PDB file of N, CA and C in Angstrom:
ATOM      1  N   MET A   1     -64.862  81.401 -14.822  1.00  0.00           N
ATOM      2  CA  MET A   1     -64.382  82.613 -15.457  1.00  0.00           C
ATOM      3  C   MET A   1     -65.206  83.775 -14.907  1.00  0.00           C
ATOM      4  N   GLY A   2     -64.542  84.733 -14.276  1.00  0.00           N
ATOM      5  CA  GLY A   2     -65.232  85.866 -13.676  1.00  0.00           C
ATOM      6  C   GLY A   2     -65.464  86.988 -14.671  1.00  0.00           C
ATOM      7  N   VAL A   3     -66.120  88.042 -14.177  1.00  0.00           N
ATOM      8  CA  VAL A   3     -66.426  89.200 -15.009  1.00  0.00           C
ATOM      9  C   VAL A   3     -65.146  89.838 -15.530  1.00  0.00           C
ATOM     10  N   ASP A   4     -64.125  89.930 -14.700  1.00  0.00           N
ATOM     11  CA  ASP A   4     -62.859  90.525 -15.125  1.00  0.00           C
ATOM     12  C   ASP A   4     -62.206  89.711 -16.234  1.00  0.00           C
ATOM     13  N   ASP A   5     -62.335  88.366 -16.176  1.00  0.00           N
ATOM     14  CA  ASP A   5     -61.786  87.515 -17.230  1.00  0.00           C
ATOM     15  C   ASP A   5     -62.493  87.780 -18.561  1.00  0.00           C
ATOM     16  N   HIS A   6     -63.807  87.921 -18.514  1.00  0.00           N
ATOM     17  CA  HIS A   6     -64.565  88.208 -19.731  1.00  0.00           C
ATOM     18  C   HIS A   6     -64.172  89.569 -20.303  1.00  0.00           C
ATOM     19  N   ARG A   7     -64.006  90.546 -19.418  1.00  0.00           N
ATOM     20  CA  ARG A   7     -63.628  91.883 -19.867  1.00  0.00           C
ATOM     21  C   ARG A   7     -62.257  91.852 -20.520  1.00  0.00           C
ATOM     22  N   GLU A   8     -61.308  91.151 -19.925  1.00  0.00           N
ATOM     23  CA  GLU A   8     -59.961  91.058 -20.492  1.00  0.00           C
ATOM     24  C   GLU A   8     -59.968  90.346 -21.832  1.00  0.00           C
ATOM     25  N   PHE A   9     -60.777  89.289 -21.937  1.00  0.00           N
ATOM     26  CA  PHE A   9     -60.901  88.574 -23.205  1.00  0.00           C
ATOM     27  C   PHE A   9     -61.481  89.492 -24.280  1.00  0.00           C
ATOM     28  N   LEU A  10     -62.543  90.241 -23.933  1.00  0.00           N
ATOM     29  CA  LEU A  10     -63.159  91.158 -24.876  1.00  0.00           C
ATOM     30  C   LEU A  10     -62.183  92.261 -25.279  1.00  0.00           C
ATOM     31  N   LEU A  11     -61.443  92.793 -24.347  1.00  0.00           N
ATOM     32  CA  LEU A  11     -60.453  93.822 -24.665  1.00  0.00           C
ATOM     33  C   LEU A  11     -59.394  93.284 -25.626  1.00  0.00           C
ATOM     34  N   ALA A  12     -58.949  92.069 -25.410  1.00  0.00           N
ATOM     35  CA  ALA A  12     -57.957  91.463 -26.305  1.00  0.00           C
ATOM     36  C   ALA A  12     -58.554  91.250 -27.696  1.00  0.00           C
ATOM     37  N   ALA A  13     -59.805  90.797 -27.752  1.00  0.00           N
ATOM     38  CA  ALA A  13     -60.474  90.596 -29.040  1.00  0.00           C
ATOM     39  C   ALA A  13     -60.643  91.920 -29.777  1.00  0.00           C
ATOM     40  N   LEU A  14     -60.965  92.986 -29.061  1.00  0.00           N
ATOM     41  CA  LEU A  14     -61.100  94.308 -29.671  1.00  0.00           C
ATOM     42  C   LEU A  14     -59.757  94.819 -30.195  1.00  0.00           C
ATOM     43  N   ARG A  15     -58.695  94.580 -29.454  1.00  0.00           N
ATOM     44  CA  ARG A  15     -57.357  94.982 -29.921  1.00  0.00           C
ATOM     45  C   ARG A  15     -56.995  94.227 -31.193  1.00  0.00           C
ATOM     46  N   ALA A  16     -57.277  92.951 -31.228  1.00  0.00           N
ATOM     47  CA  ALA A  16     -56.975  92.146 -32.412  1.00  0.00           C
ATOM     48  C   ALA A  16     -57.797  92.624 -33.608  1.00  0.00           C
ATOM     49  N   ALA A  17     -59.069  92.953 -33.391  1.00  0.00           N
ATOM     50  CA  ALA A  17     -59.923  93.444 -34.476  1.00  0.00           C
ATOM     51  C   ALA A  17     -59.402  94.778 -35.002  1.00  0.00           C
ATOM     52  N   ARG A  18     -58.944  95.644 -34.115  1.00  0.00           N
ATOM     53  CA  ARG A  18     -58.404  96.935 -34.531  1.00  0.00           C
ATOM     54  C   ARG A  18     -57.168  96.750 -35.393  1.00  0.00           C
ATOM     55  N   ILE A  19     -56.322  95.823 -35.016  1.00  0.00           N
ATOM     56  CA  ILE A  19     -55.109  95.556 -35.792  1.00  0.00           C
ATOM     57  C   ILE A  19     -55.467  94.981 -37.165  1.00  0.00           C
ATOM     58  N   ARG A  20     -56.452  94.071 -37.205  1.00  0.00           N
ATOM     59  CA  ARG A  20     -56.900  93.542 -38.502  1.00  0.00           C
ATOM     60  C   ARG A  20     -57.446  94.656 -39.385  1.00  0.00           C
ATOM     61  N   ALA A  21     -58.191  95.581 -38.803  1.00  0.00           N
ATOM     62  CA  ALA A  21     -58.740  96.709 -39.565  1.00  0.00           C
ATOM     63  C   ALA A  21     -57.615  97.600 -40.086  1.00  0.00           C
ATOM     64  N   GLN A  22     -56.584  97.806 -39.290  1.00  0.00           N
ATOM     65  CA  GLN A  22     -55.443  98.609 -39.740  1.00  0.00           C
ATOM     66  C   GLN A  22     -54.716  97.919 -40.895  1.00  0.00           C
ATOM     67  N   LEU A  23     -54.601  96.606 -40.836  1.00  0.00           N
ATOM     68  CA  LEU A  23     -53.965  95.868 -41.927  1.00  0.00           C
ATOM     69  C   LEU A  23     -54.794  95.971 -43.207  1.00  0.00           C
ATOM     70  N   MET A  24     -56.114  95.893 -43.074  1.00  0.00           N
ATOM     71  CA  MET A  24     -56.982  96.044 -44.248  1.00  0.00           C
ATOM     72  C   MET A  24     -56.837  97.448 -44.835  1.00  0.00           C
ATOM     73  N   GLU A  25     -56.793  98.450 -43.976  1.00  0.00           N
ATOM     74  CA  GLU A  25     -56.623  99.826 -44.446  1.00  0.00           C
ATOM     75  C   GLU A  25     -55.304  99.989 -45.193  1.00  0.00           C
ATOM     76  N   ALA A  26     -54.240  99.423 -44.640  1.00  0.00           N
ATOM     77  CA  ALA A  26     -52.931  99.517 -45.287  1.00  0.00           C
ATOM     78  C   ALA A  26     -52.939  98.820 -46.648  1.00  0.00           C
ATOM     79  N   GLU A  27     -53.587  97.675 -46.728  1.00  0.00           N
ATOM     80  CA  GLU A  27     -53.660  96.935 -47.991  1.00  0.00           C
ATOM     81  C   GLU A  27     -54.447  97.726 -49.028  1.00  0.00           C
ATOM     82  N   LEU A  28     -55.596  98.285 -48.633  1.00  0.00           N
ATOM     83  CA  LEU A  28     -56.403  99.081 -49.554  1.00  0.00           C
ATOM     84  C   LEU A  28     -55.652 100.333 -50.004  1.00  0.00           C
ATOM     85  N   THR A  29     -54.912 100.941 -49.103  1.00  0.00           N
ATOM     86  CA  THR A  29     -54.117 102.117 -49.464  1.00  0.00           C
ATOM     87  C   THR A  29     -53.050 101.745 -50.479  1.00  0.00           C
ATOM     88  N   THR A  30     -52.378 100.629 -50.270  1.00  0.00           N
ATOM     89  CA  THR A  30     -51.343 100.172 -51.203  1.00  0.00           C
ATOM     90  C   THR A  30     -51.933  99.889 -52.577  1.00  0.00           C
ATOM     91  N   ILE A  31     -53.089  99.257 -52.604  1.00  0.00           N
ATOM     92  CA  ILE A  31     -53.755  98.975 -53.877  1.00  0.00           C
ATOM     93  C   ILE A  31     -54.105 100.289 -54.571  1.00  0.00           C
ATOM     94  N   GLY A  32     -54.668 101.228 -53.847  1.00  0.00           N
ATOM     95  CA  GLY A  32     -55.049 102.514 -54.420  1.00  0.00           C
ATOM     96  C   GLY A  32     -53.861 103.299 -54.948  1.00  0.00           C
ATOM     97  N   VAL A  33     -52.780 103.321 -54.194  1.00  0.00           N
ATOM     98  CA  VAL A  33     -51.570 104.036 -54.631  1.00  0.00           C
ATOM     99  C   VAL A  33     -51.001 103.380 -55.883  1.00  0.00           C
ATOM    100  N   SER A  34     -50.973 102.066 -55.906  1.00  0.00           N
ATOM    101  CA  SER A  34     -50.461 101.338 -57.074  1.00  0.00           C
ATOM    102  C   SER A  34     -51.309 101.615 -58.308  1.00  0.00           C
ATOM    103  N   LEU A  35     -52.619 101.645 -58.134  1.00  0.00           N
ATOM    104  CA  LEU A  35     -53.527 101.925 -59.244  1.00  0.00           C
ATOM    105  C   LEU A  35     -53.346 103.362 -59.728  1.00  0.00           C
ATOM    106  N   LYS A  36     -53.286 104.299 -58.810  1.00  0.00           N
ATOM    107  CA  LYS A  36     -53.142 105.714 -59.168  1.00  0.00           C
ATOM    108  C   LYS A  36     -51.828 105.974 -59.900  1.00  0.00           C
ATOM    109  N   ALA A  37     -50.770 105.282 -59.493  1.00  0.00           N
ATOM    110  CA  ALA A  37     -49.452 105.469 -60.107  1.00  0.00           C
ATOM    111  C   ALA A  37     -49.332 104.747 -61.447  1.00  0.00           C
ATOM    112  N   GLY A  38     -50.353 103.982 -61.812  1.00  0.00           N
ATOM    113  CA  GLY A  38     -50.316 103.261 -63.075  1.00  0.00           C
ATOM    114  C   GLY A  38     -49.488 101.995 -63.032  1.00  0.00           C
ATOM    115  N   MET A  39     -49.190 101.532 -61.849  1.00  0.00           N
ATOM    116  CA  MET A  39     -48.394 100.317 -61.690  1.00  0.00           C
ATOM    117  C   MET A  39     -49.227  99.060 -61.935  1.00  0.00           C
ATOM    118  N   ILE A  40     -50.540  99.189 -61.759  1.00  0.00           N
ATOM    119  CA  ILE A  40     -51.456  98.066 -61.978  1.00  0.00           C
ATOM    120  C   ILE A  40     -52.696  98.588 -62.697  1.00  0.00           C
ATOM    121  N   SER A  41     -53.381  97.703 -63.402  1.00  0.00           N
ATOM    122  CA  SER A  41     -54.625  98.062 -64.083  1.00  0.00           C
ATOM    123  C   SER A  41     -55.792  97.980 -63.093  1.00  0.00           C
ATOM    124  N   SER A  42     -56.936  98.482 -63.532  1.00  0.00           N
ATOM    125  CA  SER A  42     -58.133  98.392 -62.698  1.00  0.00           C
ATOM    126  C   SER A  42     -58.491  96.943 -62.416  1.00  0.00           C
ATOM    127  N   GLN A  43     -58.354  96.101 -63.432  1.00  0.00           N
ATOM    128  CA  GLN A  43     -58.674  94.686 -63.234  1.00  0.00           C
ATOM    129  C   GLN A  43     -57.694  94.033 -62.254  1.00  0.00           C
ATOM    130  N   MET A  44     -56.422  94.400 -62.353  1.00  0.00           N
ATOM    131  CA  MET A  44     -55.445  93.855 -61.408  1.00  0.00           C
ATOM    132  C   MET A  44     -55.758  94.319 -59.988  1.00  0.00           C
ATOM    133  N   ALA A  45     -56.180  95.576 -59.853  1.00  0.00           N
ATOM    134  CA  ALA A  45     -56.528  96.102 -58.530  1.00  0.00           C
ATOM    135  C   ALA A  45     -57.712  95.337 -57.944  1.00  0.00           C
ATOM    136  N   MET A  46     -58.727  95.095 -58.784  1.00  0.00           N
ATOM    137  CA  MET A  46     -59.889  94.359 -58.296  1.00  0.00           C
ATOM    138  C   MET A  46     -59.528  92.921 -57.941  1.00  0.00           C
ATOM    139  N   GLN A  47     -58.641  92.308 -58.712  1.00  0.00           N
ATOM    140  CA  GLN A  47     -58.203  90.949 -58.390  1.00  0.00           C
ATOM    141  C   GLN A  47     -57.465  90.935 -57.059  1.00  0.00           C
ATOM    142  N   TRP A  48     -56.625  91.938 -56.846  1.00  0.00           N
ATOM    143  CA  TRP A  48     -55.877  92.058 -55.593  1.00  0.00           C
ATOM    144  C   TRP A  48     -56.850  92.213 -54.426  1.00  0.00           C
ATOM    145  N   VAL A  49     -57.845  93.100 -54.590  1.00  0.00           N
ATOM    146  CA  VAL A  49     -58.857  93.289 -53.548  1.00  0.00           C
ATOM    147  C   VAL A  49     -59.549  91.963 -53.259  1.00  0.00           C
ATOM    148  N   HIS A  50     -59.900  91.249 -54.313  1.00  0.00           N
ATOM    149  CA  HIS A  50     -60.563  89.950 -54.155  1.00  0.00           C
ATOM    150  C   HIS A  50     -59.653  88.961 -53.434  1.00  0.00           C
ATOM    151  N   ASP A  51     -58.409  88.882 -53.866  1.00  0.00           N
ATOM    152  CA  ASP A  51     -57.460  87.936 -53.270  1.00  0.00           C
ATOM    153  C   ASP A  51     -57.249  88.197 -51.781  1.00  0.00           C
ATOM    154  N   GLU A  52     -57.350  89.453 -51.384  1.00  0.00           N
ATOM    155  CA  GLU A  52     -57.167  89.806 -49.970  1.00  0.00           C
ATOM    156  C   GLU A  52     -58.453  89.660 -49.157  1.00  0.00           C
ATOM    157  N   GLY A  53     -59.547  89.268 -49.830  1.00  0.00           N
ATOM    158  CA  GLY A  53     -60.812  89.089 -49.123  1.00  0.00           C
ATOM    159  C   GLY A  53     -61.476  90.391 -48.724  1.00  0.00           C
ATOM    160  N   LEU A  54     -61.250  91.447 -49.511  1.00  0.00           N
ATOM    161  CA  LEU A  54     -61.748  92.766 -49.155  1.00  0.00           C
ATOM    162  C   LEU A  54     -62.885  93.242 -50.062  1.00  0.00           C
ATOM    163  N   MET A  55     -63.414  92.356 -50.899  1.00  0.00           N
ATOM    164  CA  MET A  55     -64.450  92.764 -51.848  1.00  0.00           C
ATOM    165  C   MET A  55     -65.678  93.348 -51.152  1.00  0.00           C
ATOM    166  N   SER A  56     -66.007  92.872 -49.984  1.00  0.00           N
ATOM    167  CA  SER A  56     -67.194  93.383 -49.293  1.00  0.00           C
ATOM    168  C   SER A  56     -67.033  94.844 -48.898  1.00  0.00           C
ATOM    169  N   LEU A  57     -65.794  95.337 -48.891  1.00  0.00           N
ATOM    170  CA  LEU A  57     -65.536  96.731 -48.537  1.00  0.00           C
ATOM    171  C   LEU A  57     -65.500  97.651 -49.745  1.00  0.00           C
ATOM    172  N   VAL A  58     -65.479  97.075 -50.946  1.00  0.00           N
ATOM    173  CA  VAL A  58     -65.360  97.858 -52.173  1.00  0.00           C
ATOM    174  C   VAL A  58     -66.629  97.644 -52.991  1.00  0.00           C
ATOM    175  N   SER A  59     -67.337  98.731 -53.278  1.00  0.00           N
ATOM    176  CA  SER A  59     -68.601  98.603 -54.003  1.00  0.00           C
ATOM    177  C   SER A  59     -68.417  98.984 -55.470  1.00  0.00           C
ATOM    178  N   VAL A  60     -67.683  98.156 -56.179  1.00  0.00           N
ATOM    179  CA  VAL A  60     -67.482  98.338 -57.619  1.00  0.00           C
ATOM    180  C   VAL A  60     -67.894  97.041 -58.291  1.00  0.00           C
ATOM    181  N   MET A  61     -68.663  97.161 -59.321  1.00  0.00           N
ATOM    182  CA  MET A  61     -69.104  95.988 -60.061  1.00  0.00           C
ATOM    183  C   MET A  61     -68.093  95.682 -61.153  1.00  0.00           C
ATOM    184  N   SER A  62     -67.938  94.423 -61.505  1.00  0.00           N
ATOM    185  CA  SER A  62     -66.972  94.036 -62.524  1.00  0.00           C
ATOM    186  C   SER A  62     -67.286  94.699 -63.862  1.00  0.00           C
ATOM    187  N   GLU A  63     -68.574  94.965 -64.126  1.00  0.00           N
ATOM    188  CA  GLU A  63     -68.939  95.651 -65.366  1.00  0.00           C
ATOM    189  C   GLU A  63     -68.350  97.055 -65.399  1.00  0.00           C
ATOM    190  N   GLN A  64     -68.335  97.729 -64.253  1.00  0.00           N
ATOM    191  CA  GLN A  64     -67.767  99.068 -64.174  1.00  0.00           C
ATOM    192  C   GLN A  64     -66.268  99.028 -64.439  1.00  0.00           C
ATOM    193  N   VAL A  65     -65.605  98.017 -63.929  1.00  0.00           N
ATOM    194  CA  VAL A  65     -64.170  97.864 -64.163  1.00  0.00           C
ATOM    195  C   VAL A  65     -63.911  97.675 -65.644  1.00  0.00           C
ATOM    196  N   GLN A  66     -64.734  96.870 -66.316  1.00  0.00           N
ATOM    197  CA  GLN A  66     -64.564  96.648 -67.750  1.00  0.00           C
ATOM    198  C   GLN A  66     -64.763  97.944 -68.529  1.00  0.00           C
ATOM    199  N   ILE A  67     -65.743  98.745 -68.157  1.00  0.00           N
ATOM    200  CA  ILE A  67     -66.001 100.016 -68.830  1.00  0.00           C
ATOM    201  C   ILE A  67     -64.797 100.943 -68.681  1.00  0.00           C
ATOM    202  N   VAL A  68     -64.248 101.004 -67.482  1.00  0.00           N
ATOM    203  CA  VAL A  68     -63.072 101.855 -67.242  1.00  0.00           C
ATOM    204  C   VAL A  68     -61.893 101.360 -68.060  1.00  0.00           C
ATOM    205  N   GLU A  69     -61.676 100.057 -68.094  1.00  0.00           N
ATOM    206  CA  GLU A  69     -60.572  99.494 -68.870  1.00  0.00           C
ATOM    207  C   GLU A  69     -60.728  99.808 -70.356  1.00  0.00           C
ATOM    208  N   GLN A  70     -61.955  99.678 -70.876  1.00  0.00           N
ATOM    209  CA  GLN A  70     -62.204  99.966 -72.291  1.00  0.00           C
ATOM    210  C   GLN A  70     -61.982 101.444 -72.584  1.00  0.00           C
ATOM    211  N   ALA A  71     -62.421 102.313 -71.692  1.00  0.00           N
ATOM    212  CA  ALA A  71     -62.214 103.743 -71.879  1.00  0.00           C
ATOM    213  C   ALA A  71     -60.729 104.081 -71.862  1.00  0.00           C
ATOM    214  N   ASN A  72     -59.991 103.487 -70.938  1.00  0.00           N
ATOM    215  CA  ASN A  72     -58.549 103.727 -70.867  1.00  0.00           C
ATOM    216  C   ASN A  72     -57.852 103.246 -72.143  1.00  0.00           C
ATOM    217  N   ALA A  73     -58.275 102.106 -72.664  1.00  0.00           N
ATOM    218  CA  ALA A  73     -57.688 101.572 -73.888  1.00  0.00           C
ATOM    219  C   ALA A  73     -57.986 102.494 -75.061  1.00  0.00           C
ATOM    220  N   ALA A  74     -59.195 103.022 -75.128  1.00  0.00           N
ATOM    221  CA  ALA A  74     -59.558 103.921 -76.213  1.00  0.00           C
ATOM    222  C   ALA A  74     -58.749 105.206 -76.140  1.00  0.00           C
ATOM    223  N   ILE A  75     -58.532 105.707 -74.942  1.00  0.00           N
ATOM    224  CA  ILE A  75     -57.725 106.924 -74.766  1.00  0.00           C
ATOM    225  C   ILE A  75     -56.284 106.647 -75.180  1.00  0.00           C
ATOM    226  N   ALA A  76     -55.768 105.506 -74.785  1.00  0.00           N
ATOM    227  CA  ALA A  76     -54.383 105.146 -75.123  1.00  0.00           C
ATOM    228  C   ALA A  76     -54.195 104.988 -76.625  1.00  0.00           C
ATOM    229  N   ASP A  77     -55.216 104.471 -77.310  1.00  0.00           N
ATOM    230  CA  ASP A  77     -55.146 104.295 -78.761  1.00  0.00           C
ATOM    231  C   ASP A  77     -55.193 105.627 -79.499  1.00  0.00           C
ATOM    232  N   GLY A  78     -55.795 106.621 -78.875  1.00  0.00           N
ATOM    233  CA  GLY A  78     -55.899 107.931 -79.501  1.00  0.00           C
ATOM    234  C   GLY A  78     -57.020 107.978 -80.513  1.00  0.00           C
ATOM    235  N   PRO A  79     -57.233 109.188 -81.102  1.00  0.00           N
ATOM    236  CA  PRO A  79     -58.310 109.327 -82.087  1.00  0.00           C
ATOM    237  C   PRO A  79     -58.008 108.562 -83.360  1.00  0.00           C
ATOM    238  N   LYS A  80     -59.058 108.083 -84.000  1.00  0.00           N
ATOM    239  CA  LYS A  80     -58.900 107.312 -85.234  1.00  0.00           C
ATOM    240  C   LYS A  80     -59.354 108.088 -86.421  1.00  0.00           C
TER     241      LYS A  80
END
């Protein structure tokens, strides 16, 4: 395998990595749009992120998600 073969292999690997990154971006965008539109809860969004193997890209702790969910529930219930 010559230098040109290695370069072509590396170029192909870089193209594949770029496409994988674009797919991850599209998935994260879809999750964010769904969450913003109220189509899914914060917990559902985090589960989706987890299911797609993207947790390492999202720095939210499960405790924070629970706090947001509780706050949203309190707002939805209204004043007592």
